[in-house]
N, C-alpha and C. Protein backbone atom coordinates (compact mmCIF):
# COMPACT_ATOMS: atom_id res chain seq x y z
N MET A 1 -33.10 25.83 23.99
CA MET A 1 -32.00 25.35 24.80
C MET A 1 -31.52 23.98 24.32
N SER A 2 -32.43 23.05 24.07
CA SER A 2 -32.03 21.72 23.63
C SER A 2 -31.40 21.75 22.25
N LEU A 3 -31.81 22.70 21.41
CA LEU A 3 -31.21 22.86 20.09
C LEU A 3 -29.74 23.25 20.20
N VAL A 4 -29.43 24.09 21.15
CA VAL A 4 -28.04 24.51 21.37
C VAL A 4 -27.19 23.31 21.80
N VAL A 5 -27.70 22.50 22.69
CA VAL A 5 -26.99 21.31 23.15
C VAL A 5 -26.79 20.34 21.99
N LEU A 6 -27.82 20.15 21.20
CA LEU A 6 -27.75 19.25 20.06
C LEU A 6 -26.73 19.73 19.04
N LEU A 7 -26.74 21.00 18.73
CA LEU A 7 -25.81 21.55 17.75
C LEU A 7 -24.37 21.53 18.26
N SER A 8 -24.18 21.70 19.55
CA SER A 8 -22.82 21.68 20.09
C SER A 8 -22.26 20.27 20.13
N ALA A 9 -23.12 19.27 20.22
CA ALA A 9 -22.67 17.88 20.24
C ALA A 9 -22.47 17.33 18.84
N ALA A 10 -23.07 17.94 17.83
CA ALA A 10 -23.01 17.43 16.46
C ALA A 10 -21.61 17.27 15.89
N PRO A 11 -20.69 18.20 16.10
CA PRO A 11 -19.35 18.03 15.53
C PRO A 11 -18.64 16.77 16.02
N GLY A 12 -18.90 16.32 17.22
CA GLY A 12 -18.26 15.14 17.76
C GLY A 12 -18.84 13.83 17.24
N CYS A 13 -20.02 13.88 16.67
CA CYS A 13 -20.68 12.66 16.21
C CYS A 13 -19.91 11.98 15.08
N GLY A 14 -19.33 12.77 14.20
CA GLY A 14 -18.60 12.20 13.06
C GLY A 14 -17.44 11.33 13.50
N SER A 15 -16.71 11.80 14.49
CA SER A 15 -15.56 11.03 14.95
C SER A 15 -15.99 9.77 15.67
N VAL A 16 -17.11 9.84 16.38
CA VAL A 16 -17.62 8.65 17.08
C VAL A 16 -18.09 7.62 16.07
N MET A 17 -18.83 8.05 15.06
CA MET A 17 -19.30 7.12 14.03
C MET A 17 -18.12 6.53 13.26
N TYR A 18 -17.13 7.37 12.97
CA TYR A 18 -15.94 6.88 12.27
C TYR A 18 -15.25 5.80 13.10
N THR A 19 -15.08 6.06 14.38
CA THR A 19 -14.38 5.11 15.25
C THR A 19 -15.09 3.76 15.26
N ALA A 20 -16.39 3.78 15.39
CA ALA A 20 -17.15 2.53 15.38
C ALA A 20 -17.01 1.81 14.04
N ASN A 21 -17.08 2.55 12.96
CA ASN A 21 -17.01 1.93 11.64
C ASN A 21 -15.62 1.42 11.31
N ILE A 22 -14.59 2.15 11.70
CA ILE A 22 -13.24 1.71 11.37
C ILE A 22 -12.86 0.48 12.20
N LEU A 23 -13.38 0.39 13.42
CA LEU A 23 -13.12 -0.81 14.22
C LEU A 23 -13.80 -2.02 13.59
N GLY A 24 -15.01 -1.84 13.09
CA GLY A 24 -15.70 -2.93 12.40
C GLY A 24 -14.96 -3.35 11.14
N ALA A 25 -14.44 -2.38 10.40
CA ALA A 25 -13.69 -2.68 9.19
C ALA A 25 -12.39 -3.39 9.53
N SER A 26 -11.73 -2.97 10.59
CA SER A 26 -10.48 -3.61 11.00
C SER A 26 -10.72 -5.07 11.38
N SER A 27 -11.79 -5.30 12.09
CA SER A 27 -12.13 -6.66 12.49
C SER A 27 -12.45 -7.53 11.26
N ALA A 28 -13.19 -6.98 10.33
CA ALA A 28 -13.53 -7.71 9.10
C ALA A 28 -12.28 -8.02 8.28
N LEU A 29 -11.35 -7.06 8.21
CA LEU A 29 -10.09 -7.30 7.49
C LEU A 29 -9.28 -8.42 8.15
N GLU A 30 -9.28 -8.46 9.46
CA GLU A 30 -8.55 -9.52 10.16
C GLU A 30 -9.20 -10.88 9.89
N GLU A 31 -10.52 -10.93 9.88
CA GLU A 31 -11.21 -12.19 9.55
C GLU A 31 -10.86 -12.63 8.13
N ALA A 32 -10.83 -11.68 7.21
CA ALA A 32 -10.48 -11.99 5.82
C ALA A 32 -9.05 -12.49 5.73
N ARG A 33 -8.15 -11.86 6.47
CA ARG A 33 -6.75 -12.28 6.45
C ARG A 33 -6.61 -13.71 6.98
N LEU A 34 -7.32 -14.00 8.06
CA LEU A 34 -7.26 -15.34 8.64
C LEU A 34 -7.85 -16.39 7.71
N ALA A 35 -8.77 -15.99 6.84
CA ALA A 35 -9.36 -16.90 5.86
C ALA A 35 -8.49 -17.01 4.60
N GLU A 36 -7.32 -16.38 4.63
CA GLU A 36 -6.37 -16.38 3.52
C GLU A 36 -6.93 -15.67 2.28
N ALA A 37 -7.67 -14.61 2.53
CA ALA A 37 -8.28 -13.85 1.43
C ALA A 37 -7.24 -13.15 0.57
N GLU A 38 -6.07 -12.86 1.13
CA GLU A 38 -5.02 -12.21 0.33
C GLU A 38 -4.68 -13.08 -0.88
N ARG A 39 -4.76 -14.39 -0.69
CA ARG A 39 -4.42 -15.33 -1.75
C ARG A 39 -5.66 -15.82 -2.51
N LEU A 40 -6.74 -16.06 -1.77
CA LEU A 40 -7.91 -16.71 -2.36
C LEU A 40 -8.93 -15.74 -2.96
N SER A 41 -8.96 -14.51 -2.50
CA SER A 41 -9.85 -13.49 -3.08
C SER A 41 -9.14 -12.14 -3.01
N PRO A 42 -8.04 -12.02 -3.74
CA PRO A 42 -7.19 -10.83 -3.62
C PRO A 42 -7.85 -9.53 -4.03
N TYR A 43 -8.69 -9.53 -5.07
CA TYR A 43 -9.30 -8.28 -5.50
C TYR A 43 -10.11 -7.67 -4.37
N GLU A 44 -10.99 -8.46 -3.79
CA GLU A 44 -11.85 -7.96 -2.73
C GLU A 44 -11.04 -7.58 -1.49
N TYR A 45 -10.03 -8.41 -1.17
CA TYR A 45 -9.24 -8.14 0.02
C TYR A 45 -8.47 -6.83 -0.12
N TYR A 46 -7.77 -6.66 -1.23
CA TYR A 46 -6.94 -5.46 -1.39
C TYR A 46 -7.79 -4.21 -1.62
N TYR A 47 -8.98 -4.37 -2.20
CA TYR A 47 -9.87 -3.23 -2.32
C TYR A 47 -10.33 -2.79 -0.93
N ALA A 48 -10.68 -3.77 -0.10
CA ALA A 48 -11.09 -3.47 1.28
C ALA A 48 -9.96 -2.79 2.02
N ARG A 49 -8.77 -3.29 1.84
CA ARG A 49 -7.60 -2.71 2.52
C ARG A 49 -7.37 -1.26 2.07
N ALA A 50 -7.52 -1.01 0.76
CA ALA A 50 -7.33 0.34 0.23
C ALA A 50 -8.39 1.29 0.80
N CYS A 51 -9.64 0.83 0.88
CA CYS A 51 -10.71 1.66 1.46
C CYS A 51 -10.42 1.95 2.92
N TRP A 52 -9.94 0.95 3.65
CA TRP A 52 -9.62 1.10 5.07
C TRP A 52 -8.53 2.16 5.25
N GLU A 53 -7.48 2.08 4.43
CA GLU A 53 -6.39 3.04 4.53
C GLU A 53 -6.87 4.46 4.17
N LYS A 54 -7.70 4.57 3.14
CA LYS A 54 -8.21 5.88 2.73
C LYS A 54 -9.15 6.45 3.80
N ALA A 55 -9.92 5.58 4.47
CA ALA A 55 -10.79 6.03 5.55
C ALA A 55 -9.97 6.63 6.68
N ARG A 56 -8.88 5.99 7.02
CA ARG A 56 -8.00 6.51 8.07
C ARG A 56 -7.41 7.86 7.67
N GLU A 57 -7.03 7.97 6.40
CA GLU A 57 -6.49 9.23 5.90
C GLU A 57 -7.55 10.33 5.96
N SER A 58 -8.77 10.02 5.53
CA SER A 58 -9.85 11.01 5.55
C SER A 58 -10.17 11.46 6.98
N ALA A 59 -10.15 10.53 7.91
CA ALA A 59 -10.39 10.89 9.31
C ALA A 59 -9.29 11.80 9.82
N GLY A 60 -8.07 11.54 9.39
CA GLY A 60 -6.97 12.41 9.79
C GLY A 60 -7.12 13.83 9.28
N ASP A 61 -7.84 13.96 8.17
CA ASP A 61 -8.13 15.28 7.61
C ASP A 61 -9.47 15.83 8.13
N ALA A 62 -10.06 15.17 9.11
CA ALA A 62 -11.34 15.54 9.71
C ALA A 62 -12.50 15.51 8.71
N GLU A 63 -12.39 14.67 7.70
CA GLU A 63 -13.47 14.45 6.73
C GLU A 63 -14.23 13.19 7.17
N TYR A 64 -14.96 13.32 8.27
CA TYR A 64 -15.54 12.15 8.92
C TYR A 64 -16.63 11.47 8.10
N GLN A 65 -17.45 12.22 7.40
CA GLN A 65 -18.51 11.59 6.61
C GLN A 65 -17.89 10.70 5.54
N HIS A 66 -16.90 11.19 4.86
CA HIS A 66 -16.20 10.40 3.84
C HIS A 66 -15.50 9.21 4.48
N ALA A 67 -14.89 9.42 5.63
CA ALA A 67 -14.21 8.35 6.34
C ALA A 67 -15.18 7.24 6.75
N VAL A 68 -16.37 7.62 7.20
CA VAL A 68 -17.40 6.64 7.59
C VAL A 68 -17.81 5.82 6.37
N GLU A 69 -18.05 6.48 5.25
CA GLU A 69 -18.45 5.78 4.02
C GLU A 69 -17.36 4.81 3.56
N LEU A 70 -16.12 5.26 3.61
CA LEU A 70 -15.01 4.39 3.20
C LEU A 70 -14.84 3.21 4.16
N ALA A 71 -15.01 3.45 5.44
CA ALA A 71 -14.90 2.36 6.41
C ALA A 71 -16.02 1.34 6.19
N ASP A 72 -17.22 1.81 5.88
CA ASP A 72 -18.32 0.89 5.55
C ASP A 72 -17.99 0.05 4.33
N SER A 73 -17.45 0.69 3.31
CA SER A 73 -17.06 -0.02 2.09
C SER A 73 -15.96 -1.04 2.39
N ALA A 74 -15.02 -0.65 3.21
CA ALA A 74 -13.93 -1.57 3.59
C ALA A 74 -14.49 -2.78 4.31
N ARG A 75 -15.41 -2.56 5.23
CA ARG A 75 -16.02 -3.68 5.97
C ARG A 75 -16.76 -4.62 5.03
N GLU A 76 -17.58 -4.05 4.16
CA GLU A 76 -18.36 -4.87 3.24
C GLU A 76 -17.47 -5.71 2.33
N HIS A 77 -16.42 -5.09 1.78
CA HIS A 77 -15.53 -5.83 0.87
C HIS A 77 -14.67 -6.84 1.63
N ALA A 78 -14.32 -6.53 2.85
CA ALA A 78 -13.56 -7.49 3.65
C ALA A 78 -14.41 -8.72 3.96
N PHE A 79 -15.67 -8.52 4.29
CA PHE A 79 -16.55 -9.67 4.53
C PHE A 79 -16.75 -10.47 3.24
N ARG A 80 -16.88 -9.78 2.12
CA ARG A 80 -17.01 -10.47 0.83
C ARG A 80 -15.73 -11.27 0.55
N ALA A 81 -14.58 -10.68 0.80
CA ALA A 81 -13.31 -11.37 0.60
C ALA A 81 -13.22 -12.60 1.49
N ARG A 82 -13.61 -12.43 2.75
CA ARG A 82 -13.60 -13.57 3.69
C ARG A 82 -14.49 -14.69 3.21
N ASP A 83 -15.71 -14.33 2.81
CA ASP A 83 -16.67 -15.35 2.37
C ASP A 83 -16.20 -16.06 1.10
N LEU A 84 -15.66 -15.30 0.16
CA LEU A 84 -15.15 -15.92 -1.07
C LEU A 84 -13.96 -16.81 -0.78
N ALA A 85 -13.09 -16.38 0.11
CA ALA A 85 -11.92 -17.19 0.47
C ALA A 85 -12.36 -18.49 1.14
N ARG A 86 -13.32 -18.40 2.03
CA ARG A 86 -13.82 -19.62 2.69
C ARG A 86 -14.47 -20.56 1.69
N ALA A 87 -15.24 -20.00 0.76
CA ALA A 87 -15.89 -20.83 -0.25
C ALA A 87 -14.85 -21.48 -1.15
N SER A 88 -13.83 -20.73 -1.51
CA SER A 88 -12.77 -21.27 -2.35
C SER A 88 -12.01 -22.37 -1.64
N ALA A 89 -11.71 -22.16 -0.37
CA ALA A 89 -11.00 -23.17 0.42
C ALA A 89 -11.85 -24.42 0.57
N ALA A 90 -13.16 -24.24 0.78
CA ALA A 90 -14.04 -25.39 0.95
C ALA A 90 -14.18 -26.18 -0.35
N SER A 91 -14.25 -25.48 -1.47
CA SER A 91 -14.41 -26.18 -2.75
C SER A 91 -13.13 -26.88 -3.19
N SER A 92 -11.99 -26.41 -2.68
CA SER A 92 -10.73 -27.06 -3.05
C SER A 92 -10.31 -28.08 -1.99
N GLY A 93 -11.18 -28.34 -1.05
CA GLY A 93 -10.89 -29.36 -0.05
C GLY A 93 -10.13 -28.86 1.15
N GLY A 94 -10.11 -27.59 1.40
CA GLY A 94 -9.44 -27.04 2.57
C GLY A 94 -8.48 -25.94 2.20
N SER A 95 -7.94 -25.32 3.20
CA SER A 95 -7.01 -24.22 2.97
C SER A 95 -5.63 -24.75 2.63
N ALA A 96 -4.79 -23.88 2.17
CA ALA A 96 -3.43 -24.25 1.82
C ALA A 96 -2.69 -24.78 3.04
N SER A 97 -2.93 -24.18 4.19
CA SER A 97 -2.24 -24.64 5.39
C SER A 97 -2.67 -26.05 5.75
N THR A 98 -3.95 -26.39 5.52
CA THR A 98 -4.42 -27.75 5.75
C THR A 98 -3.77 -28.70 4.75
N ALA A 99 -3.69 -28.27 3.49
CA ALA A 99 -3.06 -29.09 2.46
C ALA A 99 -1.58 -29.28 2.76
N ASN A 100 -0.91 -28.23 3.20
CA ASN A 100 0.51 -28.33 3.54
C ASN A 100 0.72 -29.26 4.72
N ALA A 101 -0.14 -29.19 5.71
CA ALA A 101 -0.03 -30.06 6.87
C ALA A 101 -0.24 -31.51 6.47
N ALA A 102 -1.21 -31.74 5.58
CA ALA A 102 -1.46 -33.10 5.11
C ALA A 102 -0.26 -33.62 4.32
N ALA A 103 0.30 -32.77 3.48
CA ALA A 103 1.47 -33.17 2.69
C ALA A 103 2.66 -33.46 3.61
N ALA A 104 2.83 -32.65 4.62
CA ALA A 104 3.93 -32.88 5.57
C ALA A 104 3.72 -34.18 6.32
N GLY A 105 2.50 -34.47 6.66
CA GLY A 105 2.18 -35.73 7.34
C GLY A 105 2.42 -36.92 6.45
N GLN A 106 2.09 -36.81 5.16
CA GLN A 106 2.34 -37.90 4.22
C GLN A 106 3.82 -38.11 4.04
N GLY A 107 4.56 -37.02 3.98
CA GLY A 107 6.01 -37.11 3.80
C GLY A 107 6.65 -37.86 4.96
N SER A 108 6.22 -37.59 6.18
CA SER A 108 6.83 -38.25 7.32
C SER A 108 6.39 -39.70 7.40
N SER A 109 5.15 -40.01 6.98
CA SER A 109 4.72 -41.39 7.01
C SER A 109 5.40 -42.20 5.93
N ASN A 110 5.72 -41.57 4.79
CA ASN A 110 6.45 -42.26 3.73
C ASN A 110 7.89 -42.56 4.18
N GLU A 111 8.46 -41.70 4.97
CA GLU A 111 9.81 -41.91 5.45
C GLU A 111 9.86 -43.06 6.43
N ASN A 112 8.76 -43.31 7.14
CA ASN A 112 8.73 -44.38 8.15
C ASN A 112 8.57 -45.74 7.52
N ARG A 113 8.23 -45.81 6.25
CA ARG A 113 8.02 -47.11 5.59
C ARG A 113 9.28 -47.81 5.28
């Protein structure tokens, strides 16, 4: 009896695992985007994005195992992109937006002289 219940629930497991993994990948991609990974670590960022898109496509085709693997890969590469972008920003003295803000501040202080 328990085997029947287990086997009947098995087809739904793939979609549940996919959903959890794709949400994690989406969150990691957003963190990478906020760290300016598109500019500072583009290879890792765009590879993660491509895996994320392919995972969604595979899930649409009900290929959940493949979708889960791709979502995992997307998450891992997005975190790598985020970390590389943060390291790059730290080694260059801050992010571009910080540098732009500083430059804008200098420009206005020079005008006041």
